[in-house]
Amino acid sequence: MDLRVFYQKIRQIEAALAEEDVVVISLETPEGGKAGVPSEVRKAVAAKTIVEGRARLATAEETREFRERTAEAVRVAEKLAAAGKVQVTVISDADLRALKSGGKKA
């Protein structure tokens, strides 16, 4: 393939992409690439993988579903991280005795 034509195709596809970050769907490749895996990439990377035949641009529906799943995964991860936090309060001996004796402070 002529390199000039290759890079011209990349520039054309990149110019046609409206958003800076786009979702692409992988295609099966002879090197073992798995088909159907969505990824969100910069438009320069998307254009290159499309020209190389390693991916295709995701449809609007596929993009929406991917971003919804990603947002849900982030929410779940944040919830798990918050649940794993341990809160510790340091109190003095006098306050501990006061708590044990029913709230009366000496």
N, C-alpha and C. Protein backbone atom coordinates (compact mmCIF):
# COMPACT_ATOMS: atom_id res chain seq x y z
N MET A 1 0.84 -1.18 0.00
CA MET A 1 0.00 0.00 0.00
C MET A 1 0.88 1.24 0.00
N ASP A 2 0.46 2.20 -0.76
CA ASP A 2 1.17 3.47 -0.84
C ASP A 2 0.95 4.24 0.45
N LEU A 3 2.02 4.65 1.10
CA LEU A 3 1.91 5.36 2.38
C LEU A 3 1.16 6.68 2.25
N ARG A 4 1.33 7.33 1.13
CA ARG A 4 0.64 8.60 0.92
C ARG A 4 -0.88 8.38 0.94
N VAL A 5 -1.34 7.36 0.28
CA VAL A 5 -2.77 7.03 0.24
C VAL A 5 -3.24 6.60 1.62
N PHE A 6 -2.43 5.80 2.31
CA PHE A 6 -2.76 5.33 3.65
C PHE A 6 -3.02 6.50 4.61
N TYR A 7 -2.09 7.43 4.66
CA TYR A 7 -2.24 8.57 5.57
C TYR A 7 -3.33 9.54 5.11
N GLN A 8 -3.56 9.62 3.81
CA GLN A 8 -4.65 10.45 3.31
C GLN A 8 -5.99 9.89 3.77
N LYS A 9 -6.15 8.57 3.74
CA LYS A 9 -7.39 7.94 4.22
C LYS A 9 -7.58 8.19 5.71
N ILE A 10 -6.49 8.10 6.48
CA ILE A 10 -6.57 8.35 7.92
C ILE A 10 -7.04 9.78 8.17
N ARG A 11 -6.45 10.74 7.45
CA ARG A 11 -6.85 12.14 7.64
C ARG A 11 -8.31 12.37 7.24
N GLN A 12 -8.77 11.71 6.18
CA GLN A 12 -10.16 11.87 5.75
C GLN A 12 -11.14 11.34 6.80
N ILE A 13 -10.85 10.17 7.32
CA ILE A 13 -11.73 9.57 8.33
C ILE A 13 -11.70 10.40 9.60
N GLU A 14 -10.51 10.82 10.01
CA GLU A 14 -10.39 11.64 11.23
C GLU A 14 -11.16 12.95 11.09
N ALA A 15 -11.13 13.56 9.92
CA ALA A 15 -11.87 14.80 9.70
C ALA A 15 -13.38 14.57 9.73
N ALA A 16 -13.81 13.39 9.34
CA ALA A 16 -15.24 13.08 9.31
C ALA A 16 -15.81 12.78 10.70
N LEU A 17 -14.94 12.45 11.64
CA LEU A 17 -15.41 12.13 13.00
C LEU A 17 -15.68 13.43 13.75
N ALA A 18 -16.90 13.54 14.29
CA ALA A 18 -17.33 14.78 14.94
C ALA A 18 -16.76 14.91 16.35
N GLU A 19 -16.78 13.86 17.12
CA GLU A 19 -16.35 13.91 18.51
C GLU A 19 -14.86 13.63 18.62
N GLU A 20 -14.26 14.11 19.71
CA GLU A 20 -12.83 13.86 19.96
C GLU A 20 -12.61 12.41 20.41
N ASP A 21 -13.56 11.88 21.19
CA ASP A 21 -13.50 10.48 21.63
C ASP A 21 -14.64 9.72 20.98
N VAL A 22 -14.32 8.63 20.30
CA VAL A 22 -15.35 7.84 19.61
C VAL A 22 -15.26 6.39 20.05
N VAL A 23 -16.35 5.68 19.84
CA VAL A 23 -16.39 4.25 20.17
C VAL A 23 -16.22 3.47 18.88
N VAL A 24 -15.29 2.53 18.92
CA VAL A 24 -15.07 1.63 17.79
C VAL A 24 -15.33 0.20 18.23
N ILE A 25 -15.69 -0.64 17.28
CA ILE A 25 -15.93 -2.06 17.53
C ILE A 25 -14.85 -2.83 16.80
N SER A 26 -14.15 -3.69 17.52
CA SER A 26 -13.05 -4.43 16.91
C SER A 26 -13.56 -5.43 15.89
N LEU A 27 -12.69 -5.72 14.94
CA LEU A 27 -12.95 -6.73 13.93
C LEU A 27 -11.98 -7.89 14.12
N GLU A 28 -12.35 -9.06 13.64
CA GLU A 28 -11.45 -10.20 13.74
C GLU A 28 -10.26 -9.97 12.82
N THR A 29 -9.06 -10.26 13.32
CA THR A 29 -7.85 -10.06 12.53
C THR A 29 -7.05 -11.36 12.48
N PRO A 30 -6.18 -11.49 11.48
CA PRO A 30 -5.35 -12.70 11.39
C PRO A 30 -4.39 -12.85 12.57
N GLU A 31 -4.07 -11.73 13.26
CA GLU A 31 -3.16 -11.78 14.40
C GLU A 31 -3.86 -12.22 15.67
N GLY A 32 -5.13 -12.56 15.58
CA GLY A 32 -5.86 -13.02 16.76
C GLY A 32 -6.78 -12.00 17.38
N GLY A 33 -7.00 -10.89 16.69
CA GLY A 33 -7.92 -9.87 17.20
C GLY A 33 -9.33 -10.42 17.31
N LYS A 34 -9.98 -10.14 18.42
CA LYS A 34 -11.31 -10.64 18.69
C LYS A 34 -12.36 -9.65 18.18
N ALA A 35 -13.33 -10.13 17.46
CA ALA A 35 -14.37 -9.28 16.89
C ALA A 35 -15.41 -8.91 17.93
N GLY A 36 -15.96 -7.69 17.80
CA GLY A 36 -17.09 -7.28 18.61
C GLY A 36 -16.77 -6.63 19.94
N VAL A 37 -15.52 -6.31 20.20
CA VAL A 37 -15.15 -5.69 21.47
C VAL A 37 -15.17 -4.16 21.30
N PRO A 38 -16.04 -3.47 22.06
CA PRO A 38 -16.09 -2.02 21.93
C PRO A 38 -14.98 -1.35 22.74
N SER A 39 -14.49 -0.22 22.24
CA SER A 39 -13.47 0.56 22.92
C SER A 39 -13.71 2.03 22.62
N GLU A 40 -13.44 2.88 23.61
CA GLU A 40 -13.54 4.32 23.39
C GLU A 40 -12.11 4.84 23.22
N VAL A 41 -11.86 5.46 22.07
CA VAL A 41 -10.51 5.92 21.74
C VAL A 41 -10.58 7.32 21.15
N ARG A 42 -9.42 7.99 21.10
CA ARG A 42 -9.33 9.30 20.45
C ARG A 42 -9.58 9.11 18.96
N LYS A 43 -10.03 10.16 18.30
CA LYS A 43 -10.42 10.01 16.90
C LYS A 43 -9.23 9.69 16.00
N ALA A 44 -8.02 10.10 16.36
CA ALA A 44 -6.85 9.76 15.55
C ALA A 44 -6.59 8.26 15.58
N VAL A 45 -6.73 7.66 16.75
CA VAL A 45 -6.54 6.21 16.89
C VAL A 45 -7.66 5.47 16.17
N ALA A 46 -8.88 5.98 16.30
CA ALA A 46 -10.02 5.35 15.64
C ALA A 46 -9.82 5.35 14.12
N ALA A 47 -9.41 6.48 13.57
CA ALA A 47 -9.20 6.57 12.13
C ALA A 47 -8.13 5.58 11.66
N LYS A 48 -7.05 5.47 12.42
CA LYS A 48 -5.98 4.55 12.04
C LYS A 48 -6.44 3.10 12.07
N THR A 49 -7.14 2.71 13.14
CA THR A 49 -7.58 1.31 13.23
C THR A 49 -8.65 0.99 12.18
N ILE A 50 -9.45 1.98 11.82
CA ILE A 50 -10.46 1.75 10.77
C ILE A 50 -9.76 1.54 9.43
N VAL A 51 -8.79 2.38 9.10
CA VAL A 51 -8.07 2.24 7.83
C VAL A 51 -7.30 0.92 7.78
N GLU A 52 -6.74 0.51 8.91
CA GLU A 52 -6.00 -0.75 8.97
C GLU A 52 -6.92 -1.97 8.92
N GLY A 53 -8.21 -1.77 9.06
CA GLY A 53 -9.16 -2.89 9.01
C GLY A 53 -9.24 -3.66 10.31
N ARG A 54 -8.83 -3.03 11.42
CA ARG A 54 -8.86 -3.70 12.71
C ARG A 54 -10.10 -3.33 13.52
N ALA A 55 -10.84 -2.31 13.06
CA ALA A 55 -12.03 -1.87 13.80
C ALA A 55 -12.97 -1.16 12.84
N ARG A 56 -14.22 -0.99 13.31
CA ARG A 56 -15.20 -0.20 12.58
C ARG A 56 -15.81 0.79 13.55
N LEU A 57 -16.37 1.85 13.03
CA LEU A 57 -17.02 2.85 13.86
C LEU A 57 -18.31 2.26 14.43
N ALA A 58 -18.55 2.46 15.70
CA ALA A 58 -19.76 1.95 16.33
C ALA A 58 -20.96 2.78 15.90
N THR A 59 -22.11 2.13 15.86
CA THR A 59 -23.34 2.84 15.55
C THR A 59 -23.73 3.70 16.76
N ALA A 60 -24.70 4.58 16.57
CA ALA A 60 -25.15 5.44 17.67
C ALA A 60 -25.70 4.59 18.81
N GLU A 61 -26.42 3.53 18.50
CA GLU A 61 -26.99 2.65 19.52
C GLU A 61 -25.87 1.91 20.28
N GLU A 62 -24.88 1.40 19.55
CA GLU A 62 -23.76 0.71 20.20
C GLU A 62 -22.98 1.67 21.11
N THR A 63 -22.80 2.90 20.65
CA THR A 63 -22.10 3.92 21.45
C THR A 63 -22.86 4.21 22.73
N ARG A 64 -24.18 4.40 22.62
CA ARG A 64 -25.00 4.69 23.79
C ARG A 64 -24.94 3.55 24.79
N GLU A 65 -25.09 2.30 24.32
CA GLU A 65 -25.03 1.13 25.21
C GLU A 65 -23.67 1.02 25.89
N PHE A 66 -22.58 1.23 25.14
CA PHE A 66 -21.24 1.14 25.70
C PHE A 66 -21.03 2.17 26.80
N ARG A 67 -21.45 3.40 26.54
CA ARG A 67 -21.26 4.46 27.54
C ARG A 67 -22.14 4.24 28.76
N GLU A 68 -23.34 3.68 28.58
CA GLU A 68 -24.20 3.36 29.73
C GLU A 68 -23.55 2.27 30.59
N ARG A 69 -23.03 1.22 29.94
CA ARG A 69 -22.37 0.13 30.69
C ARG A 69 -21.13 0.65 31.42
N THR A 70 -20.39 1.51 30.76
CA THR A 70 -19.19 2.08 31.39
C THR A 70 -19.56 2.94 32.60
N ALA A 71 -20.59 3.77 32.46
CA ALA A 71 -21.02 4.61 33.57
C ALA A 71 -21.51 3.76 34.74
N GLU A 72 -22.24 2.68 34.45
CA GLU A 72 -22.71 1.79 35.51
C GLU A 72 -21.54 1.10 36.21
N ALA A 73 -20.55 0.68 35.44
CA ALA A 73 -19.37 0.04 36.04
C ALA A 73 -18.62 1.01 36.95
N VAL A 74 -18.55 2.27 36.56
CA VAL A 74 -17.90 3.28 37.40
C VAL A 74 -18.68 3.47 38.70
N ARG A 75 -20.02 3.54 38.59
CA ARG A 75 -20.84 3.70 39.80
C ARG A 75 -20.65 2.53 40.76
N VAL A 76 -20.64 1.31 40.22
CA VAL A 76 -20.45 0.12 41.06
C VAL A 76 -19.08 0.14 41.72
N ALA A 77 -18.05 0.49 40.96
CA ALA A 77 -16.69 0.54 41.52
C ALA A 77 -16.59 1.58 42.62
N GLU A 78 -17.21 2.74 42.42
CA GLU A 78 -17.17 3.78 43.45
C GLU A 78 -17.92 3.34 44.69
N LYS A 79 -19.03 2.64 44.50
CA LYS A 79 -19.81 2.14 45.63
C LYS A 79 -19.00 1.11 46.43
N LEU A 80 -18.34 0.21 45.73
CA LEU A 80 -17.50 -0.79 46.40
C LEU A 80 -16.33 -0.14 47.12
N ALA A 81 -15.74 0.88 46.52
CA ALA A 81 -14.62 1.56 47.16
C ALA A 81 -15.09 2.28 48.42
N ALA A 82 -16.26 2.88 48.36
CA ALA A 82 -16.79 3.57 49.54
C ALA A 82 -17.14 2.58 50.65
N ALA A 83 -17.65 1.41 50.27
CA ALA A 83 -18.01 0.41 51.26
C ALA A 83 -16.78 -0.18 51.94
N GLY A 84 -15.66 -0.16 51.25
CA GLY A 84 -14.43 -0.73 51.80
C GLY A 84 -13.68 0.20 52.72
N LYS A 85 -14.10 1.44 52.80
CA LYS A 85 -13.41 2.40 53.66
C LYS A 85 -13.81 2.15 55.12
N VAL A 86 -12.86 2.24 55.98
CA VAL A 86 -13.10 2.07 57.42
C VAL A 86 -12.93 3.42 58.09
N GLN A 87 -13.92 3.79 58.88
CA GLN A 87 -13.82 5.05 59.61
C GLN A 87 -13.40 4.75 61.04
N VAL A 88 -12.42 5.49 61.50
CA VAL A 88 -11.87 5.30 62.83
C VAL A 88 -11.95 6.63 63.57
N THR A 89 -12.41 6.56 64.81
CA THR A 89 -12.45 7.75 65.66
C THR A 89 -11.57 7.50 66.87
N VAL A 90 -10.68 8.41 67.15
CA VAL A 90 -9.79 8.29 68.29
C VAL A 90 -10.38 9.13 69.42
N ILE A 91 -10.56 8.47 70.57
CA ILE A 91 -11.09 9.19 71.73
C ILE A 91 -10.15 8.98 72.92
N SER A 92 -10.22 9.89 73.85
CA SER A 92 -9.34 9.81 75.02
C SER A 92 -9.89 8.78 76.02
N ASP A 93 -9.04 8.40 76.98
CA ASP A 93 -9.48 7.46 78.01
C ASP A 93 -10.65 8.02 78.81
N ALA A 94 -10.60 9.30 79.11
CA ALA A 94 -11.68 9.93 79.88
C ALA A 94 -13.01 9.85 79.13
N ASP A 95 -12.96 10.10 77.81
CA ASP A 95 -14.19 10.02 77.03
C ASP A 95 -14.69 8.58 76.95
N LEU A 96 -13.79 7.61 76.86
CA LEU A 96 -14.19 6.21 76.84
C LEU A 96 -14.86 5.83 78.14
N ARG A 97 -14.28 6.24 79.27
CA ARG A 97 -14.89 5.94 80.56
C ARG A 97 -16.26 6.59 80.68
N ALA A 98 -16.38 7.80 80.15
CA ALA A 98 -17.66 8.51 80.19
C ALA A 98 -18.72 7.78 79.37
N LEU A 99 -18.30 7.26 78.24
CA LEU A 99 -19.24 6.50 77.40
C LEU A 99 -19.67 5.22 78.12
N LYS A 100 -18.74 4.54 78.75
CA LYS A 100 -19.04 3.29 79.44
C LYS A 100 -19.93 3.53 80.67
N SER A 101 -19.77 4.69 81.31
CA SER A 101 -20.53 4.95 82.53
C SER A 101 -21.90 5.59 82.25
N GLY A 102 -22.27 5.64 80.99
CA GLY A 102 -23.59 6.15 80.67
C GLY A 102 -23.61 7.62 80.27
N GLY A 103 -22.50 8.14 79.87
CA GLY A 103 -22.48 9.50 79.37
C GLY A 103 -22.12 10.55 80.40
N LYS A 104 -21.83 10.18 81.63
CA LYS A 104 -21.45 11.16 82.65
C LYS A 104 -19.94 11.38 82.60
N LYS A 105 -19.57 12.61 82.36
CA LYS A 105 -18.15 12.94 82.27
C LYS A 105 -17.63 13.38 83.61
N ALA A 106 -16.45 12.93 83.98
CA ALA A 106 -15.87 13.27 85.30
C ALA A 106 -15.33 14.65 85.33
